[in-house]
Amino acid sequence: MALLIILAVLFGGVGLMVVFGERYAKPMNSEQQAKFSKIAIILVFVLLVSAIVKNLM
């Protein structure tokens, strides 16, 4: 029963994010998108390295 409540809250939250994102979000320009792309690549690399180090210890 608790799992169903958690899933309902999760899907409700995602639904609210989609509705408000479509209503109030503005599209990114290419410069901002390139900046976020560079940051995302670095963050993924850091997460991979930290996961490898965690599994080795």
N, C-alpha and C. Protein backbone atom coordinates (compact mmCIF):
# COMPACT_ATOMS: atom_id res chain seq x y z
N MET A 1 0.82 -1.20 0.00
CA MET A 1 0.00 0.00 0.00
C MET A 1 0.86 1.26 0.00
N ALA A 2 1.95 1.22 0.79
CA ALA A 2 2.83 2.38 0.85
C ALA A 2 3.48 2.64 -0.50
N LEU A 3 3.80 1.55 -1.22
CA LEU A 3 4.41 1.70 -2.54
C LEU A 3 3.47 2.41 -3.51
N LEU A 4 2.20 2.08 -3.45
CA LEU A 4 1.23 2.73 -4.34
C LEU A 4 1.10 4.21 -4.02
N ILE A 5 1.14 4.56 -2.75
CA ILE A 5 1.06 5.97 -2.36
C ILE A 5 2.29 6.73 -2.86
N ILE A 6 3.47 6.11 -2.69
CA ILE A 6 4.71 6.75 -3.17
C ILE A 6 4.67 6.94 -4.67
N LEU A 7 4.23 5.92 -5.41
CA LEU A 7 4.15 6.03 -6.87
C LEU A 7 3.14 7.10 -7.29
N ALA A 8 2.01 7.18 -6.61
CA ALA A 8 1.01 8.19 -6.94
C ALA A 8 1.56 9.59 -6.72
N VAL A 9 2.26 9.80 -5.61
CA VAL A 9 2.85 11.11 -5.33
C VAL A 9 3.92 11.43 -6.37
N LEU A 10 4.73 10.43 -6.72
CA LEU A 10 5.79 10.64 -7.72
C LEU A 10 5.21 11.03 -9.07
N PHE A 11 4.22 10.29 -9.54
CA PHE A 11 3.61 10.61 -10.83
C PHE A 11 2.86 11.93 -10.79
N GLY A 12 2.26 12.25 -9.66
CA GLY A 12 1.60 13.56 -9.52
C GLY A 12 2.61 14.70 -9.61
N GLY A 13 3.77 14.53 -8.95
CA GLY A 13 4.82 15.54 -9.02
C GLY A 13 5.37 15.71 -10.42
N VAL A 14 5.60 14.60 -11.11
CA VAL A 14 6.09 14.69 -12.49
C VAL A 14 5.04 15.34 -13.38
N GLY A 15 3.80 15.01 -13.17
CA GLY A 15 2.72 15.64 -13.95
C GLY A 15 2.68 17.14 -13.74
N LEU A 16 2.84 17.58 -12.49
CA LEU A 16 2.86 19.02 -12.22
C LEU A 16 4.05 19.70 -12.88
N MET A 17 5.22 19.03 -12.86
CA MET A 17 6.40 19.60 -13.52
C MET A 17 6.17 19.76 -15.01
N VAL A 18 5.53 18.79 -15.63
CA VAL A 18 5.27 18.86 -17.07
C VAL A 18 4.30 20.00 -17.37
N VAL A 19 3.23 20.11 -16.61
CA VAL A 19 2.23 21.15 -16.86
C VAL A 19 2.84 22.54 -16.68
N PHE A 20 3.54 22.75 -15.56
CA PHE A 20 4.13 24.08 -15.33
C PHE A 20 5.29 24.35 -16.27
N GLY A 21 6.03 23.31 -16.65
CA GLY A 21 7.12 23.49 -17.60
C GLY A 21 6.63 23.91 -18.97
N GLU A 22 5.54 23.32 -19.43
CA GLU A 22 4.99 23.70 -20.73
C GLU A 22 4.37 25.10 -20.69
N ARG A 23 3.84 25.48 -19.54
CA ARG A 23 3.15 26.75 -19.45
C ARG A 23 4.11 27.93 -19.28
N TYR A 24 5.11 27.79 -18.43
CA TYR A 24 5.93 28.94 -18.05
C TYR A 24 7.37 28.89 -18.56
N ALA A 25 7.83 27.78 -19.10
CA ALA A 25 9.23 27.68 -19.52
C ALA A 25 9.44 28.39 -20.86
N LYS A 26 10.64 28.92 -21.04
CA LYS A 26 10.98 29.52 -22.31
C LYS A 26 12.11 28.70 -22.94
N PRO A 27 12.18 28.64 -24.26
CA PRO A 27 13.23 27.84 -24.90
C PRO A 27 14.62 28.43 -24.67
N MET A 28 15.61 27.56 -24.61
CA MET A 28 16.99 28.00 -24.42
C MET A 28 17.58 28.43 -25.76
N ASN A 29 18.45 29.43 -25.71
CA ASN A 29 19.17 29.78 -26.93
C ASN A 29 20.37 28.84 -27.07
N SER A 30 21.04 28.88 -28.20
CA SER A 30 22.10 27.92 -28.49
C SER A 30 23.31 28.10 -27.57
N GLU A 31 23.61 29.34 -27.16
CA GLU A 31 24.75 29.56 -26.26
C GLU A 31 24.51 28.92 -24.91
N GLN A 32 23.32 29.11 -24.36
CA GLN A 32 22.99 28.54 -23.06
C GLN A 32 22.95 27.01 -23.14
N GLN A 33 22.46 26.48 -24.24
CA GLN A 33 22.41 25.04 -24.42
C GLN A 33 23.81 24.45 -24.50
N ALA A 34 24.72 25.12 -25.18
CA ALA A 34 26.10 24.65 -25.27
C ALA A 34 26.78 24.66 -23.91
N LYS A 35 26.50 25.70 -23.11
CA LYS A 35 27.08 25.79 -21.77
C LYS A 35 26.59 24.63 -20.90
N PHE A 36 25.30 24.36 -20.92
CA PHE A 36 24.76 23.26 -20.13
C PHE A 36 25.27 21.91 -20.63
N SER A 37 25.51 21.80 -21.92
CA SER A 37 26.03 20.55 -22.47
C SER A 37 27.43 20.27 -21.95
N LYS A 38 28.27 21.28 -21.89
CA LYS A 38 29.63 21.10 -21.38
C LYS A 38 29.60 20.72 -19.90
N ILE A 39 28.74 21.39 -19.13
CA ILE A 39 28.64 21.10 -17.70
C ILE A 39 28.11 19.68 -17.48
N ALA A 40 27.13 19.26 -18.29
CA ALA A 40 26.55 17.93 -18.13
C ALA A 40 27.58 16.84 -18.42
N ILE A 41 28.41 17.03 -19.43
CA ILE A 41 29.44 16.04 -19.75
C ILE A 41 30.42 15.91 -18.59
N ILE A 42 30.84 17.02 -18.02
CA ILE A 42 31.78 16.99 -16.89
C ILE A 42 31.14 16.30 -15.68
N LEU A 43 29.88 16.62 -15.39
CA LEU A 43 29.20 16.00 -14.25
C LEU A 43 29.02 14.50 -14.42
N VAL A 44 28.70 14.05 -15.63
CA VAL A 44 28.56 12.62 -15.88
C VAL A 44 29.91 11.93 -15.69
N PHE A 45 30.99 12.53 -16.16
CA PHE A 45 32.32 11.96 -15.97
C PHE A 45 32.65 11.85 -14.49
N VAL A 46 32.37 12.89 -13.72
CA VAL A 46 32.65 12.87 -12.28
C VAL A 46 31.82 11.78 -11.59
N LEU A 47 30.56 11.63 -11.97
CA LEU A 47 29.72 10.60 -11.38
C LEU A 47 30.23 9.20 -11.72
N LEU A 48 30.69 8.99 -12.95
CA LEU A 48 31.24 7.69 -13.32
C LEU A 48 32.49 7.36 -12.53
N VAL A 49 33.39 8.33 -12.41
CA VAL A 49 34.62 8.11 -11.66
C VAL A 49 34.32 7.84 -10.19
N SER A 50 33.39 8.59 -9.62
CA SER A 50 33.05 8.38 -8.21
C SER A 50 32.39 7.01 -8.00
N ALA A 51 31.58 6.55 -8.95
CA ALA A 51 30.97 5.23 -8.83
C ALA A 51 32.02 4.13 -8.92
N ILE A 52 33.01 4.30 -9.80
CA ILE A 52 34.08 3.32 -9.90
C ILE A 52 34.90 3.27 -8.62
N VAL A 53 35.24 4.44 -8.08
CA VAL A 53 36.00 4.48 -6.84
C VAL A 53 35.21 3.87 -5.69
N LYS A 54 33.92 4.13 -5.64
CA LYS A 54 33.08 3.56 -4.58
C LYS A 54 33.03 2.05 -4.67
N ASN A 55 32.95 1.52 -5.88
CA ASN A 55 32.88 0.06 -6.05
C ASN A 55 34.22 -0.61 -5.77
N LEU A 56 35.31 0.10 -5.94
CA LEU A 56 36.62 -0.48 -5.67
C LEU A 56 36.93 -0.54 -4.18
N MET A 57 36.29 0.27 -3.40
CA MET A 57 36.58 0.30 -1.95
C MET A 57 35.63 -0.55 -1.17
